[in-house]
């Protein structure tokens, strides 16, 4: 309470930065991996190029490989159960993707 009672807002809520041409990059840790990003700006501060590499795309090859192996071993499960377990496997890599995007559309062809 002492800290919040003593708080005085700054005159300006941000630091003024003059744009200049250049390239900057950074990364931050997220629950599902590292987020990498790089930006190139011109002298006016316009973004000329941006490259954002989220953990989802970094993990994509492993997710697909694990799903292929899992489905091959469990293809005899009922379709609803197989889909549910595939979604669980995907959430091991990315806890948000299967619910946030509703991307998994499982079609099973059995002989």
C-alpha atoms as a PDB file:
ATOM      1  CA  UNK A   1       0.000   0.000   0.000  1.00  0.00           C
ATOM      2  CA  UNK A   2       2.884   2.335   0.812  1.00  0.00           C
ATOM      3  CA  UNK A   3       4.268   1.955  -2.720  1.00  0.00           C
ATOM      4  CA  UNK A   4       0.931   2.521  -4.446  1.00  0.00           C
ATOM      5  CA  UNK A   5       0.094   5.464  -2.158  1.00  0.00           C
ATOM      6  CA  UNK A   6       3.423   7.099  -3.016  1.00  0.00           C
ATOM      7  CA  UNK A   7       2.981   6.633  -6.772  1.00  0.00           C
ATOM      8  CA  UNK A   8       3.145   9.773  -8.862  1.00  0.00           C
ATOM      9  CA  UNK A   9       2.381   9.452 -12.570  1.00  0.00           C
ATOM     10  CA  UNK A  10       5.152  10.634 -14.901  1.00  0.00           C
ATOM     11  CA  UNK A  11       4.740  13.819 -16.926  1.00  0.00           C
ATOM     12  CA  UNK A  12       4.770  11.753 -20.080  1.00  0.00           C
ATOM     13  CA  UNK A  13       3.642   8.079 -20.145  1.00  0.00           C
ATOM     14  CA  UNK A  14       6.181   7.127 -22.813  1.00  0.00           C
ATOM     15  CA  UNK A  15       9.659   7.954 -24.036  1.00  0.00           C
ATOM     16  CA  UNK A  16       9.682   9.845 -27.318  1.00  0.00           C
ATOM     17  CA  UNK A  17      11.785   8.032 -29.894  1.00  0.00           C
ATOM     18  CA  UNK A  18      12.762   9.537 -33.224  1.00  0.00           C
ATOM     19  CA  UNK A  19      12.529   6.961 -36.020  1.00  0.00           C
ATOM     20  CA  UNK A  20      15.627   5.929 -37.881  1.00  0.00           C
ATOM     21  CA  UNK A  21      16.433   3.307 -40.476  1.00  0.00           C
ATOM     22  CA  UNK A  22      17.648  -0.021 -39.181  1.00  0.00           C
ATOM     23  CA  UNK A  23      16.976  -3.641 -38.391  1.00  0.00           C
ATOM     24  CA  UNK A  24      16.192  -4.942 -34.940  1.00  0.00           C
ATOM     25  CA  UNK A  25      15.427  -8.374 -33.579  1.00  0.00           C
ATOM     26  CA  UNK A  26      14.476 -10.039 -30.375  1.00  0.00           C
ATOM     27  CA  UNK A  27      13.091 -13.133 -28.809  1.00  0.00           C
ATOM     28  CA  UNK A  28      11.034 -13.980 -25.801  1.00  0.00           C
ATOM     29  CA  UNK A  29      10.119 -17.161 -24.046  1.00  0.00           C
ATOM     30  CA  UNK A  30       6.564 -18.396 -24.282  1.00  0.00           C
ATOM     31  CA  UNK A  31       4.989 -21.434 -22.581  1.00  0.00           C
ATOM     32  CA  UNK A  32       5.352 -23.460 -25.765  1.00  0.00           C
ATOM     33  CA  UNK A  33       8.809 -22.302 -26.896  1.00  0.00           C
ATOM     34  CA  UNK A  34      10.752 -19.285 -28.092  1.00  0.00           C
ATOM     35  CA  UNK A  35       9.168 -16.481 -30.122  1.00  0.00           C
ATOM     36  CA  UNK A  36      11.654 -14.891 -32.539  1.00  0.00           C
ATOM     37  CA  UNK A  37      11.010 -11.651 -34.409  1.00  0.00           C
ATOM     38  CA  UNK A  38      12.951  -9.254 -36.663  1.00  0.00           C
ATOM     39  CA  UNK A  39      11.904  -5.896 -38.128  1.00  0.00           C
ATOM     40  CA  UNK A  40      13.444  -3.558 -40.694  1.00  0.00           C
ATOM     41  CA  UNK A  41      12.384   0.106 -40.656  1.00  0.00           C
ATOM     42  CA  UNK A  42      13.064   3.013 -42.978  1.00  0.00           C
ATOM     43  CA  UNK A  43      14.120   6.498 -41.811  1.00  0.00           C
ATOM     44  CA  UNK A  44      10.486   7.500 -41.229  1.00  0.00           C
ATOM     45  CA  UNK A  45       9.787   4.478 -39.028  1.00  0.00           C
ATOM     46  CA  UNK A  46       7.760   2.560 -41.605  1.00  0.00           C
ATOM     47  CA  UNK A  47       8.165  -1.196 -41.243  1.00  0.00           C
ATOM     48  CA  UNK A  48       9.663  -2.469 -44.492  1.00  0.00           C
ATOM     49  CA  UNK A  49      10.024  -6.088 -43.452  1.00  0.00           C
ATOM     50  CA  UNK A  50       8.898  -8.184 -40.519  1.00  0.00           C
ATOM     51  CA  UNK A  51       9.650 -11.808 -39.781  1.00  0.00           C
ATOM     52  CA  UNK A  52       7.892 -13.439 -36.842  1.00  0.00           C
ATOM     53  CA  UNK A  53       8.660 -17.077 -36.076  1.00  0.00           C
ATOM     54  CA  UNK A  54       6.309 -18.442 -33.418  1.00  0.00           C
ATOM     55  CA  UNK A  55       6.914 -21.730 -31.600  1.00  0.00           C
ATOM     56  CA  UNK A  56       4.051 -23.340 -33.515  1.00  0.00           C
ATOM     57  CA  UNK A  57       5.913 -23.147 -36.825  1.00  0.00           C
ATOM     58  CA  UNK A  58       9.173 -24.264 -35.219  1.00  0.00           C
ATOM     59  CA  UNK A  59       7.436 -27.362 -33.844  1.00  0.00           C
ATOM     60  CA  UNK A  60       5.361 -28.148 -36.944  1.00  0.00           C
ATOM     61  CA  UNK A  61       7.616 -30.860 -38.380  1.00  0.00           C
ATOM     62  CA  UNK A  62       7.792 -32.713 -35.051  1.00  0.00           C
ATOM     63  CA  UNK A  63       4.030 -32.428 -34.513  1.00  0.00           C
ATOM     64  CA  UNK A  64       3.314 -33.913 -37.939  1.00  0.00           C
ATOM     65  CA  UNK A  65       5.872 -36.689 -37.499  1.00  0.00           C
ATOM     66  CA  UNK A  66       4.515 -37.640 -34.077  1.00  0.00           C
ATOM     67  CA  UNK A  67       0.939 -37.626 -35.368  1.00  0.00           C
ATOM     68  CA  UNK A  68       1.815 -39.915 -38.279  1.00  0.00           C
ATOM     69  CA  UNK A  69       3.469 -42.392 -35.919  1.00  0.00           C
ATOM     70  CA  UNK A  70       0.642 -42.174 -33.390  1.00  0.00           C
ATOM     71  CA  UNK A  71      -2.134 -42.647 -35.948  1.00  0.00           C
ATOM     72  CA  UNK A  72      -0.348 -45.593 -37.572  1.00  0.00           C
ATOM     73  CA  UNK A  73      -0.247 -47.384 -34.203  1.00  0.00           C
ATOM     74  CA  UNK A  74      -3.813 -46.440 -33.201  1.00  0.00           C
ATOM     75  CA  UNK A  75      -5.780 -46.399 -36.454  1.00  0.00           C
ATOM     76  CA  UNK A  76      -8.189 -49.039 -35.086  1.00  0.00           C
ATOM     77  CA  UNK A  77      -9.519 -46.727 -32.369  1.00  0.00           C
ATOM     78  CA  UNK A  78     -12.998 -45.292 -32.889  1.00  0.00           C
ATOM     79  CA  UNK A  79     -12.757 -42.104 -34.975  1.00  0.00           C
ATOM     80  CA  UNK A  80     -13.875 -39.758 -32.184  1.00  0.00           C
ATOM     81  CA  UNK A  81     -11.354 -41.212 -29.737  1.00  0.00           C
ATOM     82  CA  UNK A  82      -8.554 -41.116 -32.304  1.00  0.00           C
ATOM     83  CA  UNK A  83      -9.292 -37.470 -33.073  1.00  0.00           C
ATOM     84  CA  UNK A  84      -9.373 -36.608 -29.362  1.00  0.00           C
ATOM     85  CA  UNK A  85      -6.029 -38.316 -28.742  1.00  0.00           C
ATOM     86  CA  UNK A  86      -4.485 -36.563 -31.775  1.00  0.00           C
ATOM     87  CA  UNK A  87      -5.658 -33.234 -30.366  1.00  0.00           C
ATOM     88  CA  UNK A  88      -4.091 -34.145 -27.022  1.00  0.00           C
ATOM     89  CA  UNK A  89      -0.791 -34.937 -28.777  1.00  0.00           C
ATOM     90  CA  UNK A  90      -0.864 -31.569 -30.528  1.00  0.00           C
ATOM     91  CA  UNK A  91      -1.514 -29.792 -27.225  1.00  0.00           C
ATOM     92  CA  UNK A  92       1.677 -31.378 -25.877  1.00  0.00           C
ATOM     93  CA  UNK A  93       3.512 -29.047 -28.248  1.00  0.00           C
ATOM     94  CA  UNK A  94       1.116 -26.116 -28.270  1.00  0.00           C
ATOM     95  CA  UNK A  95      -1.581 -25.992 -25.594  1.00  0.00           C
ATOM     96  CA  UNK A  96      -3.682 -23.425 -27.475  1.00  0.00           C
ATOM     97  CA  UNK A  97      -3.628 -24.417 -31.139  1.00  0.00           C
ATOM     98  CA  UNK A  98      -6.168 -27.232 -31.307  1.00  0.00           C
ATOM     99  CA  UNK A  99      -8.854 -25.287 -29.445  1.00  0.00           C
ATOM    100  CA  UNK A 100      -8.006 -21.839 -30.780  1.00  0.00           C
ATOM    101  CA  UNK A 101      -7.963 -22.799 -34.449  1.00  0.00           C
ATOM    102  CA  UNK A 102     -10.190 -25.895 -34.643  1.00  0.00           C
ATOM    103  CA  UNK A 103      -7.911 -27.036 -37.430  1.00  0.00           C
ATOM    104  CA  UNK A 104      -7.915 -30.805 -36.993  1.00  0.00           C
ATOM    105  CA  UNK A 105     -10.248 -32.481 -39.467  1.00  0.00           C
ATOM    106  CA  UNK A 106      -9.625 -36.215 -39.256  1.00  0.00           C
ATOM    107  CA  UNK A 107     -10.667 -38.482 -42.133  1.00  0.00           C
ATOM    108  CA  UNK A 108     -10.038 -42.192 -41.684  1.00  0.00           C
ATOM    109  CA  UNK A 109     -10.060 -44.621 -44.598  1.00  0.00           C
ATOM    110  CA  UNK A 110     -10.204 -48.197 -43.388  1.00  0.00           C
ATOM    111  CA  UNK A 111     -10.057 -51.276 -45.585  1.00  0.00           C
END
